Structures are given as structure tokens and as C-alpha cells.
Amino acid sequence: MDFMLEEELIDLFTFCLQNPDFPEVTEKKIRIKEIGKELFDDGGVDALENFFFAISNRIEGEINKSPAPFRSLWNGLSDEWKY
């Protein structure tokens, strides 16, 4: 399951970064939030950090853009996660 969520997040972040003005971005961000909740429920803040680290490295390597602005989509899941 983790592998599938990671691949889905990569697709979602990549779409949002490459198409910031598309109307579908809003729906993609909602799904990113949902996945963050799933990850947090399963593994806490450590899971969020680990996934985001791996995803960031891959996206930056593939499209040379950083998904860092999207970290804030997971704010509110924990007091420890504040971006």
C-alpha cells in the first residue's frame, strides 16, 4: 500500500507543479490531504516526513521543481507538523 500511495503522491504533486493554473489542481490537493491523513493515521509524523523526503527527492530529480509549498496541506494533522 505504501508504494501505491507514494506513486499516487508523486503523480499528484507533479501534476500540481506542472499545471498550477488548471482547475483540477483543487481536487488534486484534496486527495493529497486525504493521503496525508492516511499516512499520519498509519505512522504518525515520521511517516509524513519519510514520504515527503522520498517524494521530494524524486520529483526534484525528475522535473527539477520542489513540492515544498505543498507541505502545508498536511498542517493540522499534528501539532508537530507546521509548515
Protein backbone atom coordinates (compact mmCIF):
# COMPACT_ATOMS: atom_id res chain seq x y z
CA MET A 1 0.00 0.00 0.00
CA ASP A 2 2.80 2.43 0.85
CA PHE A 3 4.29 2.05 -2.62
CA MET A 4 0.94 2.80 -4.24
CA LEU A 5 0.41 5.89 -2.09
CA GLU A 6 3.92 7.09 -2.85
CA GLU A 7 3.35 6.74 -6.59
CA GLU A 8 -0.01 8.48 -6.33
CA LEU A 9 1.53 11.37 -4.37
CA ILE A 10 4.29 11.73 -6.94
CA ASP A 11 1.68 11.92 -9.71
CA LEU A 12 -0.43 14.43 -7.76
CA PHE A 13 2.46 16.70 -6.81
CA THR A 14 3.91 16.55 -10.31
CA PHE A 15 0.59 17.48 -11.87
CA CYS A 16 0.11 20.40 -9.48
CA LEU A 17 3.64 21.69 -10.04
CA GLN A 18 3.46 21.44 -13.81
CA ASN A 19 -0.12 22.73 -14.19
CA PRO A 20 -0.68 25.28 -11.39
CA ASP A 21 -3.49 27.08 -13.24
CA PHE A 22 -5.56 24.03 -14.16
CA PRO A 23 -8.93 23.70 -12.38
CA GLU A 24 -8.10 20.09 -11.46
CA VAL A 25 -5.41 21.28 -9.03
CA THR A 26 -8.03 21.88 -6.33
CA GLU A 27 -9.22 18.28 -6.49
CA LYS A 28 -5.62 17.01 -6.55
CA LYS A 29 -4.84 19.00 -3.39
CA ILE A 30 -7.85 17.45 -1.66
CA ARG A 31 -6.50 13.98 -2.49
CA ILE A 32 -3.04 14.97 -1.23
CA LYS A 33 -4.67 15.93 2.09
CA GLU A 34 -6.52 12.61 2.23
CA ILE A 35 -3.33 10.65 1.63
CA GLY A 36 -1.55 12.68 4.30
CA LYS A 37 -4.27 11.73 6.77
CA GLU A 38 -3.94 8.06 5.83
CA LEU A 39 -0.17 8.21 6.27
CA PHE A 40 -0.44 10.02 9.57
CA ASP A 41 -3.04 7.59 10.91
CA ASP A 42 -0.80 4.70 9.94
CA GLY A 43 2.61 6.00 11.03
CA GLY A 44 2.38 9.46 12.59
CA VAL A 45 4.62 12.40 11.78
CA ASP A 46 7.53 10.07 10.99
CA ALA A 47 5.55 8.60 8.10
CA LEU A 48 4.78 12.07 6.76
CA GLU A 49 8.44 13.09 6.98
CA ASN A 50 9.68 9.90 5.35
CA PHE A 51 7.20 10.04 2.49
CA PHE A 52 7.77 13.72 1.83
CA PHE A 53 11.55 13.28 1.83
CA ALA A 54 11.43 10.43 -0.68
CA ILE A 55 8.86 12.15 -2.86
CA SER A 56 10.74 15.46 -2.84
CA ASN A 57 13.96 13.82 -3.95
CA ARG A 58 12.28 12.00 -6.79
CA ILE A 59 10.24 14.97 -8.04
CA GLU A 60 13.19 17.34 -7.87
CA GLY A 61 15.25 14.81 -9.81
CA GLU A 62 12.59 14.23 -12.45
CA ILE A 63 11.12 17.68 -13.10
CA ASN A 64 13.54 19.96 -11.24
CA LYS A 65 10.79 21.51 -9.10
CA SER A 66 10.26 21.33 -5.35
CA PRO A 67 6.98 20.18 -3.81
CA ALA A 68 7.86 22.03 -0.58
CA PRO A 69 4.97 24.53 -0.90
CA PHE A 70 2.55 21.61 -0.61
CA ARG A 71 3.82 20.53 2.82
CA SER A 72 1.31 22.90 4.37
CA LEU A 73 -1.54 20.78 3.01
CA TRP A 74 -0.85 18.37 5.87
CA ASN A 75 -0.94 21.07 8.55
CA GLY A 76 -3.45 20.31 11.24
CA LEU A 77 -2.80 16.57 11.33
CA SER A 78 -0.42 17.03 14.25
CA ASP A 79 0.97 19.86 16.35
CA GLU A 80 4.42 18.67 15.23
CA TRP A 81 3.69 19.24 11.54
CA LYS A 82 3.75 23.01 10.96
CA TYR A 83 4.65 24.30 7.55
